[in-house]
Amino acid sequence: MSQRIIRLGLVVAAAMMAAIPPASAQTVLRVGHFPNITHVQALVAHNLSRQGKGWFEQRLGPDVKIEWYLYNAGPSAMEALFAKSIDLTYVGPNPAINAYVKSGGDEARIIAGAVDGGSALVVQGDSTLKTAVDFRGKKIATPQFGNTQDVAARAWLKAGGLKITQTGGDAQVLPAANPDQLLLFKQKQIDAVWTVEPWISRLELEAGGKVLVDDRSAITTVLVASANVLAKQKDLARKFVAAHKELTEWIKAHPAEAQAMARAELEAELRAKFSAELVVSSWKRIVLTSEVSLDALKSFVSSAQSVGFLRDAPDLSRLVESP
């Protein structure tokens, strides 16, 4: 009798389990960015995620989880995209183009603009350097070998008449992480830095630097997606771009709130204090935009070719894609 009861109980339990709908699988979207003001959309969104008020989470739905990943500069972020460690990333145009070309157009796509400007060449406060030719025998730091500012620095020096190779030349270009650049600059071990905000303002306010070249018209940050995400999760990518565009407009309309969140996020990511004055100074140099032009990106190809990062003229027809 007891065995019949046990069997009946098992049958009933199995039936109840079958009647329970399976829990919906959560989709994880892994997004990269840098701890820079020129990645302000990511800074604000990452900060909101920390508060449990995720901008993208609210717009992509309860079944989507955003995971944030930090990188110092573009080449590292694109390596992560190649390794399928991230799905999307905010990044400079040069690493995005380089990744696209290296993969034969199969791995990376630019799906939106993010920030123009916020990039500059900073020299020592007592420097007499004025033109590219003056940098003969000098040392210039950039965030990472092959990143957008690294290419810009090399192209500017070469256009000014100097011989610049990837390992040396008439002037020495030294890739170094942004915090290391600041220290080297303070110690006067380098003559100049080509970098982005908030590091430009830090070099000015904390190390007495002065801006020699203000690259406000350049595309500094774009939003890149892996081709795999666009192929397999196109609707999700489309929603992400729509949310990114909405966030861009919100930041434009609420600069004070956005600056406070960006500052809080920088402090959390870099474990250092950032003054409100520093963020305001950085803000003046950036232009927020969600638009991106293929024609404008072609100038970066020319710069990369001039300094040896790209050899042939690539087919860019698939570089920019709207999900």
Protein backbone atom coordinates (compact mmCIF):
# COMPACT_ATOMS: atom_id res chain seq x y z
CA MET A 1 0.00 0.00 0.00
CA SER A 2 2.80 2.35 0.94
CA GLN A 3 4.59 1.62 -2.36
CA ARG A 4 1.43 2.57 -4.30
CA ILE A 5 1.24 5.84 -2.38
CA ILE A 6 4.89 6.56 -3.12
CA ARG A 7 4.43 5.83 -6.81
CA LEU A 8 1.31 7.99 -6.91
CA GLY A 9 3.19 10.79 -5.18
CA LEU A 10 6.00 10.61 -7.72
CA VAL A 11 3.53 10.75 -10.61
CA VAL A 12 1.78 13.77 -9.10
CA ALA A 13 5.14 15.52 -8.45
CA ALA A 14 6.27 14.89 -12.02
CA ALA A 15 3.01 16.29 -13.36
CA MET A 16 3.35 19.40 -11.21
CA MET A 17 6.93 19.96 -12.38
CA ALA A 18 5.85 19.62 -16.00
CA ALA A 19 3.11 22.21 -15.44
CA ILE A 20 5.59 24.83 -14.18
CA PRO A 21 6.79 26.98 -17.12
CA PRO A 22 10.59 27.01 -17.50
CA ALA A 23 12.34 30.15 -16.30
CA SER A 24 13.24 32.37 -19.21
CA ALA A 25 16.96 32.31 -19.98
CA GLN A 26 18.68 35.62 -19.28
CA THR A 27 20.62 37.20 -22.11
CA VAL A 28 23.93 38.73 -21.07
CA LEU A 29 25.23 41.64 -23.11
CA ARG A 30 28.89 42.41 -22.38
CA VAL A 31 29.85 46.03 -23.04
CA GLY A 32 33.33 47.57 -22.95
CA HIS A 33 34.41 51.16 -22.35
CA PHE A 34 37.31 53.24 -21.03
CA PRO A 35 37.42 55.39 -17.87
CA ASN A 36 37.45 58.59 -19.95
CA ILE A 37 35.05 61.52 -20.28
CA THR A 38 35.08 60.82 -24.02
CA HIS A 39 33.12 57.66 -23.13
CA VAL A 40 30.52 59.65 -21.23
CA GLN A 41 27.50 57.61 -22.36
CA ALA A 42 29.12 54.49 -20.95
CA LEU A 43 30.17 56.27 -17.74
CA VAL A 44 26.62 57.46 -17.08
CA ALA A 45 25.04 54.12 -17.99
CA HIS A 46 27.58 52.15 -15.94
CA ASN A 47 26.92 54.39 -12.95
CA LEU A 48 23.17 53.87 -13.30
CA SER A 49 23.77 50.12 -13.44
CA ARG A 50 25.65 50.37 -10.13
CA GLN A 51 22.61 52.12 -8.64
CA GLY A 52 20.23 49.43 -9.86
CA LYS A 53 18.65 51.94 -12.26
CA GLY A 54 20.26 50.64 -15.45
CA TRP A 55 19.56 52.80 -18.49
CA PHE A 56 20.05 50.00 -20.98
CA GLU A 57 18.56 47.35 -18.70
CA GLN A 58 15.28 49.27 -18.44
CA ARG A 59 15.06 49.66 -22.19
CA LEU A 60 16.23 46.22 -23.27
CA GLY A 61 13.93 44.34 -20.93
CA PRO A 62 14.07 42.27 -17.71
CA ASP A 63 15.60 39.27 -19.49
CA VAL A 64 18.71 41.23 -20.50
CA LYS A 65 21.67 41.70 -18.16
CA ILE A 66 24.40 44.25 -18.93
CA GLU A 67 27.94 43.43 -17.85
CA TRP A 68 30.50 46.25 -18.04
CA TYR A 69 34.19 45.74 -18.86
CA LEU A 70 36.96 48.35 -18.57
CA TYR A 71 39.90 48.87 -20.93
CA ASN A 72 42.67 51.46 -21.07
CA ALA A 73 42.51 51.98 -24.84
CA GLY A 74 41.12 50.69 -28.12
CA PRO A 75 43.48 47.89 -29.17
CA SER A 76 42.82 46.03 -25.90
CA ALA A 77 39.06 46.40 -26.35
CA MET A 78 39.19 45.12 -29.92
CA GLU A 79 41.28 42.13 -28.84
CA ALA A 80 38.50 41.32 -26.37
CA LEU A 81 35.93 41.63 -29.16
CA PHE A 82 37.97 39.23 -31.33
CA ALA A 83 38.20 36.80 -28.41
CA LYS A 84 34.41 37.01 -27.99
CA SER A 85 34.91 38.27 -24.42
CA ILE A 86 32.66 41.29 -25.12
CA ASP A 87 29.80 41.95 -27.52
CA LEU A 88 29.91 45.73 -27.90
CA THR A 89 32.35 48.44 -26.94
CA TYR A 90 32.83 52.18 -26.93
CA VAL A 91 36.16 52.71 -28.70
CA GLY A 92 38.13 55.10 -30.87
CA PRO A 93 37.74 54.92 -34.66
CA ASN A 94 41.30 53.79 -35.46
CA PRO A 95 41.21 50.51 -33.49
CA ALA A 96 37.73 49.83 -34.86
CA ILE A 97 38.90 50.33 -38.44
CA ASN A 98 42.04 48.28 -37.83
CA ALA A 99 40.00 45.40 -36.38
CA TYR A 100 37.60 45.56 -39.31
CA VAL A 101 40.44 45.45 -41.83
CA LYS A 102 42.38 42.69 -40.05
CA SER A 103 39.30 40.48 -40.02
CA GLY A 104 38.49 41.12 -43.66
CA GLY A 105 35.36 42.96 -42.56
CA ASP A 106 34.04 39.89 -40.75
CA GLU A 107 34.34 40.82 -37.07
CA ALA A 108 33.56 44.44 -36.21
CA ARG A 109 30.96 47.03 -37.19
CA ILE A 110 30.53 50.66 -36.15
CA ILE A 111 26.86 51.02 -35.24
CA ALA A 112 26.71 54.58 -33.84
CA GLY A 113 28.72 57.66 -33.03
CA ALA A 114 29.34 58.74 -29.44
CA VAL A 115 31.74 61.67 -28.94
CA ASP A 116 33.71 64.06 -31.12
CA GLY A 117 36.55 66.17 -29.75
CA GLY A 118 38.03 65.85 -26.29
CA SER A 119 41.42 64.96 -27.78
CA ALA A 120 44.53 67.15 -27.61
CA LEU A 121 48.31 67.40 -27.61
CA VAL A 122 49.52 68.81 -24.29
CA VAL A 123 53.05 70.15 -23.75
CA GLN A 124 54.91 71.27 -20.63
CA GLY A 125 53.91 74.68 -19.30
CA ASP A 126 57.36 76.16 -19.96
CA SER A 127 57.73 74.47 -23.35
CA THR A 128 58.78 76.40 -26.45
CA LEU A 129 57.52 73.65 -28.78
CA LYS A 130 55.18 75.08 -31.41
CA THR A 131 55.28 72.95 -34.56
CA ALA A 132 55.85 69.30 -35.40
CA VAL A 133 59.42 70.00 -36.51
CA ASP A 134 60.22 71.28 -33.00
CA PHE A 135 59.60 67.76 -31.66
CA ARG A 136 62.78 66.36 -33.18
CA GLY A 137 64.44 64.34 -30.41
CA LYS A 138 61.44 64.80 -28.09
CA LYS A 139 59.21 62.25 -26.35
CA ILE A 140 55.42 62.16 -26.76
CA ALA A 141 53.23 59.79 -24.77
CA THR A 142 50.00 58.26 -26.12
CA PRO A 143 47.47 55.91 -24.42
CA GLN A 144 48.35 52.73 -26.33
CA PHE A 145 50.25 51.66 -29.44
CA GLY A 146 47.85 51.88 -32.40
CA ASN A 147 45.03 53.64 -30.57
CA THR A 148 43.36 56.71 -32.10
CA GLN A 149 45.56 59.28 -30.33
CA ASP A 150 48.70 57.25 -31.03
CA VAL A 151 47.93 57.28 -34.76
CA ALA A 152 46.99 60.97 -34.63
CA ALA A 153 50.28 61.88 -32.93
CA ARG A 154 52.38 59.90 -35.40
CA ALA A 155 50.48 61.27 -38.41
CA TRP A 156 50.80 64.87 -37.15
CA LEU A 157 54.55 64.51 -36.61
CA LYS A 158 55.04 62.92 -40.02
CA ALA A 159 52.90 65.53 -41.78
CA GLY A 160 55.10 68.16 -40.13
CA GLY A 161 58.22 66.78 -41.78
CA LEU A 162 59.59 64.31 -39.26
CA LYS A 163 60.46 60.70 -39.98
CA ILE A 164 58.36 58.54 -37.64
CA THR A 165 58.51 54.76 -37.48
CA GLN A 166 56.57 52.38 -35.25
CA THR A 167 59.67 51.89 -33.10
CA GLY A 168 61.41 55.27 -33.29
CA GLY A 169 62.36 57.95 -35.79
CA ASP A 170 63.05 61.65 -35.36
CA ALA A 171 60.74 61.78 -32.33
CA GLN A 172 59.87 59.06 -29.85
CA VAL A 173 56.19 58.13 -29.38
CA LEU A 174 55.78 56.28 -26.08
CA PRO A 175 52.54 54.37 -25.47
CA ALA A 176 51.64 54.53 -21.77
CA ALA A 177 48.45 54.16 -19.76
CA ASN A 178 46.81 57.50 -18.98
CA PRO A 179 47.64 57.50 -15.23
CA ASP A 180 51.27 56.71 -16.10
CA GLN A 181 51.34 59.58 -18.60
CA LEU A 182 50.34 62.02 -15.89
CA LEU A 183 53.11 60.84 -13.58
CA LEU A 184 55.76 60.91 -16.33
CA PHE A 185 54.62 64.39 -17.34
CA LYS A 186 54.83 65.66 -13.75
CA GLN A 187 58.34 64.24 -13.49
CA LYS A 188 59.21 65.88 -16.84
CA GLN A 189 60.36 62.56 -18.25
CA ILE A 190 58.26 63.26 -21.35
CA ASP A 191 57.84 66.45 -23.37
CA ALA A 192 54.21 66.06 -24.38
CA VAL A 193 51.11 63.86 -24.25
CA TRP A 194 48.46 63.25 -26.91
CA THR A 195 45.44 62.02 -24.99
CA VAL A 196 41.75 62.53 -24.21
CA GLU A 197 39.61 64.01 -21.45
CA PRO A 198 39.70 64.02 -18.47
CA TRP A 199 43.45 63.50 -18.81
CA ILE A 200 43.95 66.69 -20.84
CA SER A 201 42.41 68.73 -18.04
CA ARG A 202 44.37 66.80 -15.41
CA LEU A 203 47.60 67.59 -17.24
CA GLU A 204 46.57 71.26 -17.27
CA LEU A 205 45.23 71.58 -13.73
CA GLU A 206 47.55 69.20 -11.89
CA ALA A 207 50.78 69.39 -13.89
CA GLY A 208 50.76 72.86 -15.42
CA GLY A 209 50.51 71.62 -18.98
CA LYS A 210 49.23 73.67 -21.91
CA VAL A 211 47.34 72.56 -24.99
CA LEU A 212 49.24 72.89 -28.27
CA VAL A 213 46.85 71.04 -30.60
CA ASP A 214 43.13 70.91 -29.75
CA ASP A 215 41.62 68.20 -31.92
CA ARG A 216 37.97 69.16 -31.35
CA SER A 217 36.71 68.23 -34.80
CA ALA A 218 37.97 64.64 -34.73
CA ILE A 219 35.77 61.63 -34.12
CA THR A 220 36.98 60.37 -30.75
CA THR A 221 34.54 57.64 -29.74
CA VAL A 222 32.21 55.33 -31.64
CA LEU A 223 30.05 52.38 -30.63
CA VAL A 224 31.20 49.07 -32.10
CA ALA A 225 29.42 45.72 -32.17
CA SER A 226 30.71 42.30 -33.06
CA ALA A 227 29.39 40.94 -36.34
CA ASN A 228 28.21 37.90 -34.39
CA VAL A 229 25.85 40.00 -32.25
CA LEU A 230 24.48 41.75 -35.32
CA ALA A 231 23.88 38.42 -37.03
CA LYS A 232 22.36 36.51 -34.12
CA GLN A 233 20.85 39.24 -31.91
CA LYS A 234 20.03 42.00 -34.34
CA ASP A 235 16.86 43.10 -32.56
CA LEU A 236 18.78 43.41 -29.30
CA ALA A 237 21.51 45.42 -31.03
CA ARG A 238 18.86 47.68 -32.56
CA LYS A 239 17.34 48.32 -29.13
CA PHE A 240 20.78 49.05 -27.67
CA VAL A 241 21.51 51.65 -30.36
CA ALA A 242 18.10 53.26 -29.79
CA ALA A 243 18.80 53.42 -26.05
CA HIS A 244 22.28 54.82 -26.73
CA LYS A 245 20.81 57.58 -28.88
CA GLU A 246 18.20 58.37 -26.23
CA LEU A 247 20.91 58.49 -23.58
CA THR A 248 23.02 60.85 -25.71
CA GLU A 249 20.11 63.29 -25.94
CA TRP A 250 19.39 62.96 -22.20
CA ILE A 251 23.00 63.84 -21.35
CA LYS A 252 22.83 66.89 -23.62
CA ALA A 253 19.66 68.04 -21.85
CA HIS A 254 20.89 67.29 -18.31
CA PRO A 255 24.61 68.19 -18.24
CA ALA A 256 24.84 68.80 -14.48
CA GLU A 257 23.30 65.43 -13.58
CA ALA A 258 25.37 63.65 -16.23
CA GLN A 259 28.58 65.29 -15.01
CA ALA A 260 27.87 64.17 -11.44
CA MET A 261 27.30 60.57 -12.56
CA ALA A 262 30.34 60.57 -14.84
CA ARG A 263 32.47 61.91 -11.99
CA ALA A 264 31.15 59.27 -9.57
CA GLU A 265 31.82 56.52 -12.08
CA LEU A 266 35.37 57.71 -12.77
CA GLU A 267 36.06 57.71 -9.05
CA ALA A 268 34.69 54.17 -8.71
CA GLU A 269 36.63 52.83 -11.68
CA LEU A 270 39.96 54.55 -11.02
CA ARG A 271 39.73 54.68 -7.22
CA ALA A 272 40.78 58.31 -7.25
CA LYS A 273 39.08 61.61 -6.54
CA PHE A 274 38.01 63.85 -9.42
CA SER A 275 37.00 67.44 -8.76
CA ALA A 276 33.84 68.95 -10.21
CA GLU A 277 36.11 71.60 -11.81
CA LEU A 278 37.99 68.87 -13.68
CA VAL A 279 34.82 67.35 -15.11
CA VAL A 280 33.46 70.77 -16.14
CA SER A 281 36.76 71.56 -17.86
CA SER A 282 36.67 68.22 -19.69
CA TRP A 283 33.04 68.72 -20.72
CA LYS A 284 33.85 71.90 -22.63
CA ARG A 285 35.97 69.99 -25.14
CA ILE A 286 33.58 67.18 -26.07
CA VAL A 287 30.69 67.10 -28.52
CA LEU A 288 28.11 64.38 -27.98
CA THR A 289 26.66 62.75 -31.06
CA SER A 290 25.10 59.42 -31.97
CA GLU A 291 25.71 59.99 -35.67
CA VAL A 292 28.71 58.67 -37.58
CA SER A 293 29.76 59.30 -41.16
CA LEU A 294 31.64 56.81 -43.29
CA ASP A 295 33.19 59.67 -45.25
CA ALA A 296 34.54 61.20 -42.03
CA LEU A 297 36.01 57.84 -41.01
CA LYS A 298 38.00 57.63 -44.23
CA SER A 299 40.38 60.31 -42.98
CA PHE A 300 41.44 57.93 -40.20
CA VAL A 301 42.30 55.32 -42.82
CA SER A 302 44.59 57.84 -44.53
CA SER A 303 46.30 58.66 -41.23
CA ALA A 304 46.77 54.97 -40.39
CA GLN A 305 48.22 54.33 -43.85
CA SER A 306 50.63 57.26 -43.57
CA VAL A 307 52.23 55.83 -40.42
CA GLY A 308 52.24 52.18 -41.43
CA PHE A 309 49.29 50.75 -39.52
CA LEU A 310 47.41 49.96 -42.73
CA ARG A 311 49.07 49.04 -46.02
CA ASP A 312 46.34 48.81 -48.63
CA ALA A 313 43.22 50.87 -49.20
CA PRO A 314 40.54 48.71 -47.51
CA ASP A 315 36.96 48.20 -48.62
CA LEU A 316 34.97 50.05 -45.97
CA SER A 317 31.55 49.31 -47.43
CA ARG A 318 30.52 47.15 -44.43
CA LEU A 319 32.26 49.16 -41.70
CA VAL A 320 29.21 51.21 -40.68
CA GLU A 321 25.97 49.30 -40.13
CA SER A 322 22.61 50.31 -38.71
CA PRO A 323 21.08 47.30 -36.93
